[in-house]
Amino acid sequence: MSPLAVRLRLRIRVGERSREVVALLNSGYESLTPQLLIPVDLARELGMWPPEGAVEVTLSTAGGPLRAWYYPRKAYVKVLAGDAESRDVLTDIVVSPLADEPLINDMLAEELEIAVESFGRGLWRFRWEAREKLRPSEKRQFSQAC
């Protein structure tokens, strides 16, 4: 038993730039809007670093306050699952200098229609798929900055 988390392959599109990444679904990352938290190196690849036009924010986290940069409604995100894809979801981007992998918040998971069947075994499906269609978690990808 190794996953202990649900990670999904995403395509992130900001303007003409697009990247495929593996992101951790974090149900404890709560907000009122769909958000994807990304590391600085990914923000750089997507043309969002240095943070011009972003709002500097301080987020409350389990580890204490986190200084980050917020871009409202900045990117289109979709899940790539081999034989199926989600729809594109317009999402906020939060850039964190401490993140070592992208994090999907609760509202983005909702908009992407993700149903987690087992966090411990890393099993999930799209809500519109049969309950028997269990998909395994992707393997973690580490940020180049780490």
C-alpha atoms as a PDB file:
ATOM      1  CA  MET A   1       0.000   0.000   0.000  1.00  0.00           C
ATOM      2  CA  SER A   2       1.963   3.018  -1.147  1.00  0.00           C
ATOM      3  CA  PRO A   3       0.007   6.066  -2.484  1.00  0.00           C
ATOM      4  CA  LEU A   4      -1.614   7.484   0.714  1.00  0.00           C
ATOM      5  CA  ALA A   5      -2.841  10.370  -1.435  1.00  0.00           C
ATOM      6  CA  VAL A   6      -4.696  11.167  -4.622  1.00  0.00           C
ATOM      7  CA  ARG A   7      -2.616  12.794  -7.332  1.00  0.00           C
ATOM      8  CA  LEU A   8      -3.991  13.690 -10.750  1.00  0.00           C
ATOM      9  CA  ARG A   9      -2.393  14.541 -14.081  1.00  0.00           C
ATOM     10  CA  LEU A  10      -3.452  18.051 -15.077  1.00  0.00           C
ATOM     11  CA  ARG A  11      -3.038  20.264 -18.089  1.00  0.00           C
ATOM     12  CA  ILE A  12      -2.692  23.909 -17.039  1.00  0.00           C
ATOM     13  CA  ARG A  13      -3.172  26.561 -19.711  1.00  0.00           C
ATOM     14  CA  VAL A  14      -2.317  30.228 -19.194  1.00  0.00           C
ATOM     15  CA  GLY A  15      -2.750  32.184 -22.406  1.00  0.00           C
ATOM     16  CA  GLU A  16      -0.691  30.405 -25.067  1.00  0.00           C
ATOM     17  CA  ARG A  17       1.416  28.454 -22.540  1.00  0.00           C
ATOM     18  CA  SER A  18       0.445  25.033 -21.331  1.00  0.00           C
ATOM     19  CA  ARG A  19       2.061  22.418 -19.082  1.00  0.00           C
ATOM     20  CA  GLU A  20       1.178  18.923 -17.921  1.00  0.00           C
ATOM     21  CA  VAL A  21       1.857  18.288 -14.240  1.00  0.00           C
ATOM     22  CA  VAL A  22       0.907  15.911 -11.463  1.00  0.00           C
ATOM     23  CA  ALA A  23      -0.960  17.669  -8.644  1.00  0.00           C
ATOM     24  CA  LEU A  24      -1.983  16.575  -5.147  1.00  0.00           C
ATOM     25  CA  LEU A  25      -5.687  16.747  -4.300  1.00  0.00           C
ATOM     26  CA  ASN A  26      -5.861  18.443  -0.896  1.00  0.00           C
ATOM     27  CA  SER A  27      -9.369  18.416   0.601  1.00  0.00           C
ATOM     28  CA  GLY A  28      -8.076  20.508   3.506  1.00  0.00           C
ATOM     29  CA  TYR A  29      -7.169  23.354   1.139  1.00  0.00           C
ATOM     30  CA  GLU A  30     -10.455  25.240   1.347  1.00  0.00           C
ATOM     31  CA  SER A  31     -11.626  28.345  -0.487  1.00  0.00           C
ATOM     32  CA  LEU A  32     -14.765  29.724  -2.074  1.00  0.00           C
ATOM     33  CA  THR A  33     -13.304  29.531  -5.592  1.00  0.00           C
ATOM     34  CA  PRO A  34     -11.427  26.876  -7.587  1.00  0.00           C
ATOM     35  CA  GLN A  35      -7.714  27.300  -6.864  1.00  0.00           C
ATOM     36  CA  LEU A  36      -4.485  25.607  -7.858  1.00  0.00           C
ATOM     37  CA  LEU A  37      -1.435  26.344  -5.713  1.00  0.00           C
ATOM     38  CA  ILE A  38       1.799  25.986  -7.693  1.00  0.00           C
ATOM     39  CA  PRO A  39       5.551  26.218  -7.007  1.00  0.00           C
ATOM     40  CA  VAL A  40       7.598  29.147  -8.317  1.00  0.00           C
ATOM     41  CA  ASP A  41       9.369  27.071 -10.988  1.00  0.00           C
ATOM     42  CA  LEU A  42       6.025  26.102 -12.563  1.00  0.00           C
ATOM     43  CA  ALA A  43       4.834  29.716 -12.318  1.00  0.00           C
ATOM     44  CA  ARG A  44       7.989  30.719 -14.211  1.00  0.00           C
ATOM     45  CA  GLU A  45       7.258  28.142 -16.960  1.00  0.00           C
ATOM     46  CA  LEU A  46       3.711  29.510 -17.276  1.00  0.00           C
ATOM     47  CA  GLY A  47       4.893  33.138 -17.487  1.00  0.00           C
ATOM     48  CA  MET A  48       3.659  34.144 -14.013  1.00  0.00           C
ATOM     49  CA  TRP A  49       6.998  34.758 -12.317  1.00  0.00           C
ATOM     50  CA  PRO A  50       8.131  37.276 -11.293  1.00  0.00           C
ATOM     51  CA  PRO A  51       4.606  37.996 -10.022  1.00  0.00           C
ATOM     52  CA  GLU A  52       3.533  40.985 -12.107  1.00  0.00           C
ATOM     53  CA  GLY A  53      -0.176  41.675 -11.757  1.00  0.00           C
ATOM     54  CA  ALA A  54      -0.579  39.282  -8.826  1.00  0.00           C
ATOM     55  CA  VAL A  55      -1.868  40.236  -5.394  1.00  0.00           C
ATOM     56  CA  GLU A  56       0.430  39.381  -2.501  1.00  0.00           C
ATOM     57  CA  VAL A  57      -1.514  37.464   0.159  1.00  0.00           C
ATOM     58  CA  THR A  58      -0.839  35.762   3.476  1.00  0.00           C
ATOM     59  CA  LEU A  59      -2.522  32.372   3.769  1.00  0.00           C
ATOM     60  CA  SER A  60      -3.300  30.580   7.012  1.00  0.00           C
ATOM     61  CA  THR A  61      -1.869  27.052   6.871  1.00  0.00           C
ATOM     62  CA  ALA A  62      -1.320  24.224   9.348  1.00  0.00           C
ATOM     63  CA  GLY A  63       2.366  25.218   9.359  1.00  0.00           C
ATOM     64  CA  GLY A  64       1.609  28.875  10.044  1.00  0.00           C
ATOM     65  CA  PRO A  65       1.264  31.943   7.808  1.00  0.00           C
ATOM     66  CA  LEU A  66       2.373  31.567   4.187  1.00  0.00           C
ATOM     67  CA  ARG A  67       3.242  34.492   1.931  1.00  0.00           C
ATOM     68  CA  ALA A  68       2.008  33.803  -1.605  1.00  0.00           C
ATOM     69  CA  TRP A  69       0.891  35.529  -4.824  1.00  0.00           C
ATOM     70  CA  TYR A  70      -2.692  35.296  -6.033  1.00  0.00           C
ATOM     71  CA  TYR A  71      -3.887  35.505  -9.640  1.00  0.00           C
ATOM     72  CA  PRO A  72      -7.711  35.408  -9.846  1.00  0.00           C
ATOM     73  CA  ARG A  73      -9.255  33.462 -12.738  1.00  0.00           C
ATOM     74  CA  LYS A  74      -5.871  33.062 -14.417  1.00  0.00           C
ATOM     75  CA  ALA A  75      -5.682  29.536 -15.862  1.00  0.00           C
ATOM     76  CA  TYR A  76      -7.720  26.783 -17.425  1.00  0.00           C
ATOM     77  CA  VAL A  77      -7.164  23.405 -15.781  1.00  0.00           C
ATOM     78  CA  LYS A  78      -8.314  19.942 -16.851  1.00  0.00           C
ATOM     79  CA  VAL A  79      -7.669  16.407 -15.630  1.00  0.00           C
ATOM     80  CA  LEU A  80      -6.018  14.028 -18.097  1.00  0.00           C
ATOM     81  CA  ALA A  81      -6.839  10.422 -17.206  1.00  0.00           C
ATOM     82  CA  GLY A  82      -5.739   8.349 -20.203  1.00  0.00           C
ATOM     83  CA  ASP A  83      -9.104   7.291 -21.595  1.00  0.00           C
ATOM     84  CA  ALA A  84     -11.033  10.321 -20.263  1.00  0.00           C
ATOM     85  CA  GLU A  85     -10.630  14.032 -19.556  1.00  0.00           C
ATOM     86  CA  SER A  86     -12.500  16.536 -17.462  1.00  0.00           C
ATOM     87  CA  ARG A  87     -13.821  19.759 -18.867  1.00  0.00           C
ATOM     88  CA  ASP A  88     -11.628  22.875 -18.693  1.00  0.00           C
ATOM     89  CA  VAL A  89     -12.158  24.807 -15.463  1.00  0.00           C
ATOM     90  CA  LEU A  90     -11.230  28.481 -15.094  1.00  0.00           C
ATOM     91  CA  THR A  91      -9.278  28.662 -11.853  1.00  0.00           C
ATOM     92  CA  ASP A  92      -7.348  31.012  -9.611  1.00  0.00           C
ATOM     93  CA  ILE A  93      -3.619  30.419  -9.350  1.00  0.00           C
ATOM     94  CA  VAL A  94      -1.736  30.810  -6.065  1.00  0.00           C
ATOM     95  CA  VAL A  95       2.064  30.827  -6.328  1.00  0.00           C
ATOM     96  CA  SER A  96       3.938  29.616  -3.258  1.00  0.00           C
ATOM     97  CA  PRO A  97       7.704  29.855  -2.769  1.00  0.00           C
ATOM     98  CA  LEU A  98       7.479  26.887  -0.342  1.00  0.00           C
ATOM     99  CA  ALA A  99       5.430  24.470  -2.466  1.00  0.00           C
ATOM    100  CA  ASP A 100       7.212  21.454  -3.940  1.00  0.00           C
ATOM    101  CA  GLU A 101       4.195  20.228  -5.925  1.00  0.00           C
ATOM    102  CA  PRO A 102       0.917  21.707  -7.206  1.00  0.00           C
ATOM    103  CA  LEU A 103      -2.101  21.433  -4.876  1.00  0.00           C
ATOM    104  CA  ILE A 104      -5.727  21.136  -6.011  1.00  0.00           C
ATOM    105  CA  ASN A 105      -8.155  22.762  -3.576  1.00  0.00           C
ATOM    106  CA  ASP A 106     -11.609  21.483  -2.593  1.00  0.00           C
ATOM    107  CA  MET A 107     -13.536  23.720  -5.025  1.00  0.00           C
ATOM    108  CA  LEU A 108     -11.298  22.883  -7.993  1.00  0.00           C
ATOM    109  CA  ALA A 109     -11.773  19.154  -7.268  1.00  0.00           C
ATOM    110  CA  GLU A 110     -15.519  19.808  -7.185  1.00  0.00           C
ATOM    111  CA  GLU A 111     -15.495  21.658 -10.527  1.00  0.00           C
ATOM    112  CA  LEU A 112     -13.329  18.929 -12.114  1.00  0.00           C
ATOM    113  CA  GLU A 113     -15.950  16.384 -10.955  1.00  0.00           C
ATOM    114  CA  ILE A 114     -13.513  14.267  -8.941  1.00  0.00           C
ATOM    115  CA  ALA A 115     -14.875  11.568  -6.647  1.00  0.00           C
ATOM    116  CA  VAL A 116     -12.280  10.164  -4.248  1.00  0.00           C
ATOM    117  CA  GLU A 117     -13.008   6.537  -3.454  1.00  0.00           C
ATOM    118  CA  SER A 118      -9.973   5.948  -1.199  1.00  0.00           C
ATOM    119  CA  PHE A 119      -7.412   8.511  -0.097  1.00  0.00           C
ATOM    120  CA  GLY A 120      -5.338   5.766   1.582  1.00  0.00           C
ATOM    121  CA  ARG A 121      -5.086   3.662  -1.566  1.00  0.00           C
ATOM    122  CA  GLY A 122      -5.078   6.668  -3.915  1.00  0.00           C
ATOM    123  CA  LEU A 123      -8.216   5.623  -5.821  1.00  0.00           C
ATOM    124  CA  TRP A 124     -10.540   8.032  -7.576  1.00  0.00           C
ATOM    125  CA  ARG A 125     -12.963   8.391 -10.500  1.00  0.00           C
ATOM    126  CA  PHE A 126     -14.885  11.092 -12.286  1.00  0.00           C
ATOM    127  CA  ARG A 127     -18.337  11.582 -10.708  1.00  0.00           C
ATOM    128  CA  TRP A 128     -19.975  10.746 -14.039  1.00  0.00           C
ATOM    129  CA  GLU A 129     -18.240   7.345 -14.229  1.00  0.00           C
ATOM    130  CA  ALA A 130     -19.511   4.057 -12.815  1.00  0.00           C
ATOM    131  CA  ARG A 131     -18.529   3.383  -9.189  1.00  0.00           C
ATOM    132  CA  GLU A 132     -16.523   0.373 -10.372  1.00  0.00           C
ATOM    133  CA  LYS A 133     -14.273   2.585 -12.556  1.00  0.00           C
ATOM    134  CA  LEU A 134     -11.472   3.128 -10.049  1.00  0.00           C
ATOM    135  CA  ARG A 135      -8.455   5.085 -11.234  1.00  0.00           C
ATOM    136  CA  PRO A 136      -5.065   4.889  -9.480  1.00  0.00           C
ATOM    137  CA  SER A 137      -3.221   7.936  -8.227  1.00  0.00           C
ATOM    138  CA  GLU A 138      -0.406   9.325 -10.372  1.00  0.00           C
ATOM    139  CA  LYS A 139       3.149   9.121  -9.014  1.00  0.00           C
ATOM    140  CA  ARG A 140       4.441  12.215  -7.288  1.00  0.00           C
ATOM    141  CA  GLN A 141       6.618  14.587  -9.323  1.00  0.00           C
ATOM    142  CA  PHE A 142       8.963  16.825  -7.393  1.00  0.00           C
ATOM    143  CA  SER A 143       9.543  20.460  -8.201  1.00  0.00           C
ATOM    144  CA  GLN A 144      12.859  21.314  -9.836  1.00  0.00           C
ATOM    145  CA  ALA A 145      13.442  23.794  -7.028  1.00  0.00           C
ATOM    146  CA  CYS A 146      13.745  20.990  -4.425  1.00  0.00           C
END
